[in-house]
Amino acid sequence: MPRDASADRRESPLAASAAKRSGAPDTVPSPLEVNTHVGALLRTMHDSVLNEAVPDRFLELLRQIGDKSDPAAALAEKD
């Protein structure tokens, strides 16, 4: 006998009862609401990373890279 595929999609009464007790919302948020929320969280995280201090070692490495890519600066150092 073929299995009823719709049975997999139905929520059991026990699961529905547990969701109501846990304070879960009665409706599922729309994809737009989810994307908006995730976007806000990502912006907050991005802003906090931008405000972090750059370690001195990274700044030194960036200075060295800049010196190697700028021949005029390399000549000025030799003089």
N, C-alpha and C. Protein backbone atom coordinates (compact mmCIF):
# COMPACT_ATOMS: atom_id res chain seq x y z
N MET A 1 0.85 -1.18 0.00
CA MET A 1 0.00 0.00 0.00
C MET A 1 0.90 1.24 0.00
N PRO A 2 0.65 2.22 -0.88
CA PRO A 2 1.50 3.40 -0.92
C PRO A 2 1.36 4.25 0.34
N ARG A 3 2.43 4.83 0.71
CA ARG A 3 2.46 5.67 1.91
C ARG A 3 1.87 7.03 1.60
N ASP A 4 1.13 7.57 2.54
CA ASP A 4 0.50 8.89 2.37
C ASP A 4 1.56 9.97 2.63
N ALA A 5 2.00 10.63 1.55
CA ALA A 5 3.05 11.64 1.67
C ALA A 5 2.58 12.85 2.48
N SER A 6 1.30 13.14 2.46
CA SER A 6 0.79 14.30 3.20
C SER A 6 0.90 14.09 4.71
N ALA A 7 1.00 12.84 5.14
CA ALA A 7 1.12 12.56 6.57
C ALA A 7 2.43 13.10 7.12
N ASP A 8 3.47 13.14 6.28
CA ASP A 8 4.75 13.66 6.72
C ASP A 8 4.70 15.16 6.95
N ARG A 9 3.81 15.86 6.25
CA ARG A 9 3.74 17.31 6.34
C ARG A 9 2.83 17.79 7.47
N ARG A 10 1.99 16.92 7.96
CA ARG A 10 1.09 17.31 9.04
C ARG A 10 1.84 17.35 10.34
N GLU A 11 1.52 18.34 11.15
CA GLU A 11 2.16 18.48 12.45
C GLU A 11 1.39 17.64 13.46
N SER A 12 2.13 16.93 14.27
CA SER A 12 1.46 16.10 15.27
C SER A 12 0.87 17.01 16.34
N PRO A 13 -0.21 16.58 16.98
CA PRO A 13 -0.82 17.38 18.05
C PRO A 13 0.16 17.63 19.20
N LEU A 14 1.02 16.66 19.46
CA LEU A 14 2.01 16.82 20.51
C LEU A 14 3.00 17.93 20.17
N ALA A 15 3.46 17.98 18.92
CA ALA A 15 4.40 19.02 18.50
C ALA A 15 3.73 20.39 18.55
N ALA A 16 2.49 20.48 18.13
CA ALA A 16 1.77 21.75 18.16
C ALA A 16 1.60 22.23 19.60
N SER A 17 1.29 21.32 20.49
CA SER A 17 1.13 21.67 21.89
C SER A 17 2.45 22.15 22.49
N ALA A 18 3.53 21.49 22.16
CA ALA A 18 4.85 21.88 22.67
C ALA A 18 5.24 23.25 22.14
N ALA A 19 4.93 23.54 20.88
CA ALA A 19 5.27 24.83 20.29
C ALA A 19 4.52 25.95 21.00
N LYS A 20 3.26 25.72 21.32
CA LYS A 20 2.47 26.75 22.01
C LYS A 20 2.99 26.99 23.42
N ARG A 21 3.40 25.93 24.10
CA ARG A 21 3.93 26.08 25.45
C ARG A 21 5.26 26.82 25.46
N SER A 22 6.06 26.65 24.41
CA SER A 22 7.39 27.26 24.40
C SER A 22 7.34 28.73 24.00
N GLY A 23 6.16 29.26 23.69
CA GLY A 23 6.05 30.65 23.31
C GLY A 23 6.36 30.87 21.84
N ALA A 24 6.39 29.82 21.06
CA ALA A 24 6.65 29.95 19.63
C ALA A 24 5.50 30.69 18.96
N PRO A 25 5.79 31.51 17.96
CA PRO A 25 4.72 32.24 17.29
C PRO A 25 3.78 31.30 16.56
N ASP A 26 2.55 31.74 16.38
CA ASP A 26 1.55 30.93 15.69
C ASP A 26 1.79 30.91 14.19
N THR A 27 2.45 31.94 13.67
CA THR A 27 2.68 32.01 12.23
C THR A 27 4.18 31.91 11.93
N VAL A 28 4.47 31.47 10.74
CA VAL A 28 5.85 31.37 10.28
C VAL A 28 6.20 32.68 9.60
N PRO A 29 7.36 33.27 9.91
CA PRO A 29 7.73 34.53 9.25
C PRO A 29 7.95 34.32 7.76
N SER A 30 7.67 35.37 7.00
CA SER A 30 7.85 35.29 5.56
C SER A 30 9.34 35.30 5.24
N PRO A 31 9.71 34.83 4.06
CA PRO A 31 11.12 34.87 3.67
C PRO A 31 11.68 36.30 3.71
N LEU A 32 10.88 37.29 3.36
CA LEU A 32 11.33 38.68 3.41
C LEU A 32 11.65 39.09 4.84
N GLU A 33 10.81 38.69 5.79
CA GLU A 33 11.07 39.01 7.20
C GLU A 33 12.34 38.33 7.69
N VAL A 34 12.54 37.09 7.29
CA VAL A 34 13.73 36.35 7.70
C VAL A 34 14.97 37.03 7.10
N ASN A 35 14.91 37.36 5.80
CA ASN A 35 16.06 38.01 5.15
C ASN A 35 16.36 39.36 5.80
N THR A 36 15.34 40.12 6.14
CA THR A 36 15.53 41.41 6.78
C THR A 36 16.22 41.24 8.13
N HIS A 37 15.77 40.26 8.88
CA HIS A 37 16.35 40.01 10.21
C HIS A 37 17.81 39.56 10.08
N VAL A 38 18.08 38.63 9.18
CA VAL A 38 19.45 38.14 8.99
C VAL A 38 20.33 39.28 8.50
N GLY A 39 19.82 40.12 7.59
CA GLY A 39 20.59 41.26 7.10
C GLY A 39 20.96 42.21 8.22
N ALA A 40 20.03 42.47 9.11
CA ALA A 40 20.31 43.36 10.24
C ALA A 40 21.39 42.77 11.15
N LEU A 41 21.30 41.46 11.40
CA LEU A 41 22.33 40.81 12.23
C LEU A 41 23.70 40.87 11.56
N LEU A 42 23.75 40.65 10.24
CA LEU A 42 25.02 40.71 9.53
C LEU A 42 25.60 42.12 9.54
N ARG A 43 24.74 43.13 9.39
CA ARG A 43 25.23 44.52 9.44
C ARG A 43 25.82 44.84 10.81
N THR A 44 25.16 44.36 11.86
CA THR A 44 25.65 44.59 13.22
C THR A 44 27.01 43.93 13.41
N MET A 45 27.15 42.69 12.95
CA MET A 45 28.41 41.98 13.08
C MET A 45 29.50 42.68 12.25
N HIS A 46 29.18 43.09 11.05
CA HIS A 46 30.14 43.75 10.17
C HIS A 46 30.63 45.05 10.81
N ASP A 47 29.71 45.82 11.37
CA ASP A 47 30.08 47.08 12.02
C ASP A 47 31.01 46.84 13.20
N SER A 48 30.75 45.79 13.98
CA SER A 48 31.61 45.52 15.13
C SER A 48 33.01 45.10 14.69
N VAL A 49 33.11 44.37 13.59
CA VAL A 49 34.43 43.97 13.07
C VAL A 49 35.18 45.19 12.56
N LEU A 50 34.48 46.10 11.88
CA LEU A 50 35.13 47.31 11.38
C LEU A 50 35.67 48.18 12.49
N ASN A 51 35.06 48.15 13.65
CA ASN A 51 35.50 48.98 14.77
C ASN A 51 36.61 48.35 15.60
N GLU A 52 37.00 47.12 15.28
CA GLU A 52 38.09 46.49 16.01
C GLU A 52 39.42 47.11 15.59
N ALA A 53 40.34 47.15 16.52
CA ALA A 53 41.68 47.69 16.24
C ALA A 53 42.47 46.71 15.36
N VAL A 54 43.28 47.27 14.46
CA VAL A 54 44.13 46.44 13.61
C VAL A 54 45.41 46.15 14.40
N PRO A 55 45.80 44.88 14.52
CA PRO A 55 47.01 44.55 15.27
C PRO A 55 48.24 45.23 14.65
N ASP A 56 49.18 45.63 15.50
CA ASP A 56 50.39 46.31 15.04
C ASP A 56 51.16 45.49 14.01
N ARG A 57 51.18 44.18 14.19
CA ARG A 57 51.91 43.30 13.24
C ARG A 57 51.29 43.41 11.85
N PHE A 58 49.99 43.48 11.75
CA PHE A 58 49.33 43.62 10.44
C PHE A 58 49.68 44.96 9.81
N LEU A 59 49.69 46.01 10.63
CA LEU A 59 50.04 47.34 10.11
C LEU A 59 51.47 47.35 9.57
N GLU A 60 52.38 46.69 10.29
CA GLU A 60 53.77 46.60 9.84
C GLU A 60 53.87 45.83 8.52
N LEU A 61 53.16 44.73 8.42
CA LEU A 61 53.16 43.95 7.17
C LEU A 61 52.61 44.77 6.01
N LEU A 62 51.55 45.51 6.26
CA LEU A 62 50.98 46.36 5.21
C LEU A 62 51.97 47.45 4.79
N ARG A 63 52.69 48.01 5.75
CA ARG A 63 53.70 49.03 5.43
C ARG A 63 54.79 48.42 4.56
N GLN A 64 55.24 47.22 4.91
CA GLN A 64 56.29 46.55 4.13
C GLN A 64 55.82 46.25 2.71
N ILE A 65 54.61 45.80 2.57
CA ILE A 65 54.05 45.52 1.24
C ILE A 65 53.98 46.81 0.43
N GLY A 66 53.52 47.87 1.07
CA GLY A 66 53.44 49.16 0.39
C GLY A 66 54.79 49.67 -0.05
N ASP A 67 55.82 49.47 0.76
CA ASP A 67 57.17 49.90 0.41
C ASP A 67 57.69 49.13 -0.80
N LYS A 68 57.42 47.85 -0.86
CA LYS A 68 57.90 47.03 -1.98
C LYS A 68 57.18 47.37 -3.28
N SER A 69 55.95 47.82 -3.19
CA SER A 69 55.20 48.12 -4.41
C SER A 69 55.40 49.56 -4.89
N ASP A 70 56.09 50.39 -4.08
CA ASP A 70 56.32 51.79 -4.44
C ASP A 70 57.82 52.02 -4.59
N PRO A 71 58.34 51.96 -5.84
CA PRO A 71 59.79 52.11 -6.05
C PRO A 71 60.32 53.46 -5.57
N ALA A 72 59.54 54.51 -5.63
CA ALA A 72 59.99 55.82 -5.19
C ALA A 72 60.24 55.81 -3.68
N ALA A 73 59.42 55.16 -2.93
CA ALA A 73 59.59 55.07 -1.49
C ALA A 73 60.83 54.25 -1.16
N ALA A 74 61.09 53.21 -1.93
CA ALA A 74 62.28 52.39 -1.69
C ALA A 74 63.54 53.19 -1.95
N LEU A 75 63.55 54.02 -2.99
CA LEU A 75 64.71 54.87 -3.29
C LEU A 75 64.91 55.92 -2.21
N ALA A 76 63.84 56.49 -1.70
CA ALA A 76 63.93 57.50 -0.66
C ALA A 76 64.52 56.93 0.61
N GLU A 77 64.24 55.67 0.92
CA GLU A 77 64.79 55.03 2.11
C GLU A 77 66.29 54.82 1.99
N LYS A 78 66.77 54.56 0.77
CA LYS A 78 68.19 54.28 0.57
C LYS A 78 69.02 55.55 0.74
N ASP A 79 68.44 56.69 0.48
CA ASP A 79 69.19 57.97 0.56
C ASP A 79 69.36 58.45 1.93
